[in-house]
Amino acid sequence: MNEKVKLPKTIINVLDNEIKQATMWLNVAQPFTTIAAILNEMNKKTFDSDLFWWINLPANQWKLIDALRYGYEAEPEPRWGIKAGKCYMKDPENCGFDNIASQEAVYWTVKSAADAMIKMLGFGEVVDLNKEVDR
């Protein structure tokens, strides 16, 4: 069984709208016609350039096809944490680390902010807490 495809939230808003319109007009929402409709609408309107370039990448078009086939959900919000050895930063005000689960670690949504903290500390590494697996 295939699992749901994770897409950026900006794509989901457009995709939801296009599926509704395709269903109303054509009484069908097939992957290729839906993607063609999205690209057609983007050519008519002014969209955020990141969205335009995301959709125009062939690999992302295949992602959209899979999303229409198997379902989709929003990608998780970014969670950047700081790790030193097996410990995660728990308290950024006191620069405190503890041997805690990555879900309990303090996090930043902007990676450059976590990078700045590393630079100030002089040790540790910035890790994507969404991908960290506690052992």
C-alpha atoms as a PDB file:
ATOM      1  CA  MET A   1       0.000   0.000   0.000  1.00  0.00           C
ATOM      2  CA  ASN A   2       1.328   3.457  -0.879  1.00  0.00           C
ATOM      3  CA  GLU A   3       1.396   6.195   1.718  1.00  0.00           C
ATOM      4  CA  LYS A   4       0.251   9.779   1.419  1.00  0.00           C
ATOM      5  CA  VAL A   5       2.586  12.220  -0.301  1.00  0.00           C
ATOM      6  CA  LYS A   6       3.887  15.135   1.755  1.00  0.00           C
ATOM      7  CA  LEU A   7       3.555  18.455  -0.065  1.00  0.00           C
ATOM      8  CA  PRO A   8       4.334  22.054   0.880  1.00  0.00           C
ATOM      9  CA  LYS A   9       1.290  23.851   2.307  1.00  0.00           C
ATOM     10  CA  THR A  10       1.349  26.418  -0.514  1.00  0.00           C
ATOM     11  CA  ILE A  11       0.907  23.597  -3.037  1.00  0.00           C
ATOM     12  CA  ILE A  12      -1.916  21.992  -1.074  1.00  0.00           C
ATOM     13  CA  ASN A  13      -3.997  25.193  -1.177  1.00  0.00           C
ATOM     14  CA  VAL A  14      -3.687  25.397  -4.971  1.00  0.00           C
ATOM     15  CA  LEU A  15      -4.221  21.658  -5.422  1.00  0.00           C
ATOM     16  CA  ASP A  16      -7.362  21.577  -3.272  1.00  0.00           C
ATOM     17  CA  ASN A  17      -8.845  24.439  -5.274  1.00  0.00           C
ATOM     18  CA  GLU A  18      -7.985  22.879  -8.643  1.00  0.00           C
ATOM     19  CA  ILE A  19      -9.413  19.492  -7.672  1.00  0.00           C
ATOM     20  CA  LYS A  20     -12.685  21.144  -6.660  1.00  0.00           C
ATOM     21  CA  GLN A  21     -12.846  23.076  -9.934  1.00  0.00           C
ATOM     22  CA  ALA A  22     -11.947  20.049 -12.079  1.00  0.00           C
ATOM     23  CA  THR A  23     -14.571  17.963 -10.294  1.00  0.00           C
ATOM     24  CA  MET A  24     -17.248  20.624 -10.832  1.00  0.00           C
ATOM     25  CA  TRP A  25     -16.424  21.300 -14.500  1.00  0.00           C
ATOM     26  CA  LEU A  26     -15.376  17.899 -15.775  1.00  0.00           C
ATOM     27  CA  ASN A  27     -16.855  15.658 -13.090  1.00  0.00           C
ATOM     28  CA  VAL A  28     -13.396  14.060 -12.941  1.00  0.00           C
ATOM     29  CA  ALA A  29     -10.067  14.903 -11.342  1.00  0.00           C
ATOM     30  CA  GLN A  30      -7.377  12.988 -13.163  1.00  0.00           C
ATOM     31  CA  PRO A  31      -3.720  13.657 -12.336  1.00  0.00           C
ATOM     32  CA  PHE A  32      -2.581  14.980 -15.714  1.00  0.00           C
ATOM     33  CA  THR A  33      -5.624  17.181 -16.306  1.00  0.00           C
ATOM     34  CA  THR A  34      -5.384  18.609 -12.797  1.00  0.00           C
ATOM     35  CA  ILE A  35      -1.683  19.439 -13.228  1.00  0.00           C
ATOM     36  CA  ALA A  36      -2.404  20.961 -16.637  1.00  0.00           C
ATOM     37  CA  ALA A  37      -5.164  23.077 -15.067  1.00  0.00           C
ATOM     38  CA  ILE A  38      -2.808  24.289 -12.332  1.00  0.00           C
ATOM     39  CA  LEU A  39      -0.136  25.245 -14.872  1.00  0.00           C
ATOM     40  CA  ASN A  40      -2.757  26.942 -17.065  1.00  0.00           C
ATOM     41  CA  GLU A  41      -4.058  28.999 -14.128  1.00  0.00           C
ATOM     42  CA  MET A  42      -0.524  29.942 -13.124  1.00  0.00           C
ATOM     43  CA  ASN A  43       0.099  31.295 -16.621  1.00  0.00           C
ATOM     44  CA  LYS A  44      -3.009  33.513 -16.297  1.00  0.00           C
ATOM     45  CA  LYS A  45      -2.286  34.920 -12.851  1.00  0.00           C
ATOM     46  CA  THR A  46       0.686  36.252 -10.900  1.00  0.00           C
ATOM     47  CA  PHE A  47       1.893  33.635  -8.427  1.00  0.00           C
ATOM     48  CA  ASP A  48       4.722  33.531  -5.968  1.00  0.00           C
ATOM     49  CA  SER A  49       7.829  32.596  -7.942  1.00  0.00           C
ATOM     50  CA  ASP A  50       8.724  29.750  -5.548  1.00  0.00           C
ATOM     51  CA  LEU A  51       5.356  28.145  -6.222  1.00  0.00           C
ATOM     52  CA  PHE A  52       5.726  28.597  -9.978  1.00  0.00           C
ATOM     53  CA  TRP A  53       9.188  26.997 -10.031  1.00  0.00           C
ATOM     54  CA  TRP A  54       8.140  24.181  -7.684  1.00  0.00           C
ATOM     55  CA  ILE A  55       5.307  23.106  -9.938  1.00  0.00           C
ATOM     56  CA  ASN A  56       7.389  23.403 -13.119  1.00  0.00           C
ATOM     57  CA  LEU A  57      10.011  20.897 -11.936  1.00  0.00           C
ATOM     58  CA  PRO A  58       9.316  17.479 -13.539  1.00  0.00           C
ATOM     59  CA  ALA A  59      10.082  15.618 -10.290  1.00  0.00           C
ATOM     60  CA  ASN A  60       7.456  17.685  -8.485  1.00  0.00           C
ATOM     61  CA  GLN A  61       4.899  16.995 -11.193  1.00  0.00           C
ATOM     62  CA  TRP A  62       5.397  13.282 -10.520  1.00  0.00           C
ATOM     63  CA  LYS A  63       4.923  14.040  -6.820  1.00  0.00           C
ATOM     64  CA  LEU A  64       1.616  15.709  -7.685  1.00  0.00           C
ATOM     65  CA  ILE A  65       0.550  12.691  -9.714  1.00  0.00           C
ATOM     66  CA  ASP A  66       1.314  10.409  -6.758  1.00  0.00           C
ATOM     67  CA  ALA A  67      -0.497  12.824  -4.437  1.00  0.00           C
ATOM     68  CA  LEU A  68      -3.618  12.610  -6.579  1.00  0.00           C
ATOM     69  CA  ARG A  69      -3.343   8.826  -6.729  1.00  0.00           C
ATOM     70  CA  TYR A  70      -2.577   8.057  -3.086  1.00  0.00           C
ATOM     71  CA  GLY A  71      -3.655  11.173  -1.192  1.00  0.00           C
ATOM     72  CA  TYR A  72      -1.590  13.966   0.290  1.00  0.00           C
ATOM     73  CA  GLU A  73      -0.903  15.866   3.473  1.00  0.00           C
ATOM     74  CA  ALA A  74       1.101  18.911   4.485  1.00  0.00           C
ATOM     75  CA  GLU A  75       4.796  18.595   5.153  1.00  0.00           C
ATOM     76  CA  PRO A  76       5.592  19.074   8.837  1.00  0.00           C
ATOM     77  CA  GLU A  77       6.661  22.541   9.949  1.00  0.00           C
ATOM     78  CA  PRO A  78      10.454  22.847  10.079  1.00  0.00           C
ATOM     79  CA  ARG A  79      11.959  22.062  13.492  1.00  0.00           C
ATOM     80  CA  TRP A  80      15.692  22.742  13.777  1.00  0.00           C
ATOM     81  CA  GLY A  81      17.338  21.695  17.024  1.00  0.00           C
ATOM     82  CA  ILE A  82      20.838  21.699  18.430  1.00  0.00           C
ATOM     83  CA  LYS A  83      22.548  18.460  19.351  1.00  0.00           C
ATOM     84  CA  ALA A  84      25.838  17.872  21.146  1.00  0.00           C
ATOM     85  CA  GLY A  85      26.805  14.223  21.306  1.00  0.00           C
ATOM     86  CA  LYS A  86      23.656  12.386  22.387  1.00  0.00           C
ATOM     87  CA  CYS A  87      22.146  15.416  24.105  1.00  0.00           C
ATOM     88  CA  TYR A  88      19.736  17.987  22.736  1.00  0.00           C
ATOM     89  CA  MET A  89      19.417  21.613  23.744  1.00  0.00           C
ATOM     90  CA  LYS A  90      16.570  21.898  26.211  1.00  0.00           C
ATOM     91  CA  ASP A  91      16.956  25.480  27.437  1.00  0.00           C
ATOM     92  CA  PRO A  92      18.312  28.089  25.014  1.00  0.00           C
ATOM     93  CA  GLU A  93      18.335  30.880  27.636  1.00  0.00           C
ATOM     94  CA  ASN A  94      20.835  29.022  29.822  1.00  0.00           C
ATOM     95  CA  CYS A  95      22.378  27.041  26.955  1.00  0.00           C
ATOM     96  CA  GLY A  96      21.256  23.881  28.735  1.00  0.00           C
ATOM     97  CA  PHE A  97      21.560  20.427  27.180  1.00  0.00           C
ATOM     98  CA  ASP A  98      20.056  17.218  28.463  1.00  0.00           C
ATOM     99  CA  ASN A  99      19.769  13.591  27.437  1.00  0.00           C
ATOM    100  CA  ILE A 100      16.145  13.996  26.345  1.00  0.00           C
ATOM    101  CA  ALA A 101      14.087  12.757  23.415  1.00  0.00           C
ATOM    102  CA  SER A 102      14.315  14.908  20.298  1.00  0.00           C
ATOM    103  CA  GLN A 103      10.571  15.657  20.614  1.00  0.00           C
ATOM    104  CA  GLU A 104      11.277  17.445  23.918  1.00  0.00           C
ATOM    105  CA  ALA A 105      14.115  19.561  22.529  1.00  0.00           C
ATOM    106  CA  VAL A 106      13.768  23.276  21.959  1.00  0.00           C
ATOM    107  CA  TYR A 107      13.541  24.102  18.262  1.00  0.00           C
ATOM    108  CA  TRP A 108      13.752  26.899  15.728  1.00  0.00           C
ATOM    109  CA  THR A 109      11.626  27.142  12.588  1.00  0.00           C
ATOM    110  CA  VAL A 110      14.395  29.027  10.768  1.00  0.00           C
ATOM    111  CA  LYS A 111      17.650  27.113  10.350  1.00  0.00           C
ATOM    112  CA  SER A 112      19.811  30.256  10.290  1.00  0.00           C
ATOM    113  CA  ALA A 113      18.679  31.095  13.845  1.00  0.00           C
ATOM    114  CA  ALA A 114      19.866  27.681  15.063  1.00  0.00           C
ATOM    115  CA  ASP A 115      23.112  28.156  13.097  1.00  0.00           C
ATOM    116  CA  ALA A 116      23.641  31.493  14.889  1.00  0.00           C
ATOM    117  CA  MET A 117      23.222  29.765  18.267  1.00  0.00           C
ATOM    118  CA  ILE A 118      25.826  27.145  17.269  1.00  0.00           C
ATOM    119  CA  LYS A 119      28.215  29.907  16.280  1.00  0.00           C
ATOM    120  CA  MET A 120      27.693  31.611  19.645  1.00  0.00           C
ATOM    121  CA  LEU A 121      28.171  28.341  21.573  1.00  0.00           C
ATOM    122  CA  GLY A 122      31.177  27.204  19.582  1.00  0.00           C
ATOM    123  CA  PHE A 123      30.064  23.557  19.585  1.00  0.00           C
ATOM    124  CA  GLY A 124      27.194  21.275  18.616  1.00  0.00           C
ATOM    125  CA  GLU A 125      25.387  20.644  15.379  1.00  0.00           C
ATOM    126  CA  VAL A 126      22.077  21.768  13.916  1.00  0.00           C
ATOM    127  CA  VAL A 127      19.778  18.806  13.228  1.00  0.00           C
ATOM    128  CA  ASP A 128      16.371  18.458  11.598  1.00  0.00           C
ATOM    129  CA  LEU A 129      14.242  17.272  14.514  1.00  0.00           C
ATOM    130  CA  ASN A 130      11.573  16.012  12.099  1.00  0.00           C
ATOM    131  CA  LYS A 131      14.096  13.435  10.857  1.00  0.00           C
ATOM    132  CA  GLU A 132      15.803  12.612  14.165  1.00  0.00           C
ATOM    133  CA  VAL A 133      15.034   9.146  15.494  1.00  0.00           C
ATOM    134  CA  ASP A 134      15.430   8.700  19.245  1.00  0.00           C
ATOM    135  CA  ARG A 135      17.301   5.613  20.236  1.00  0.00           C
END
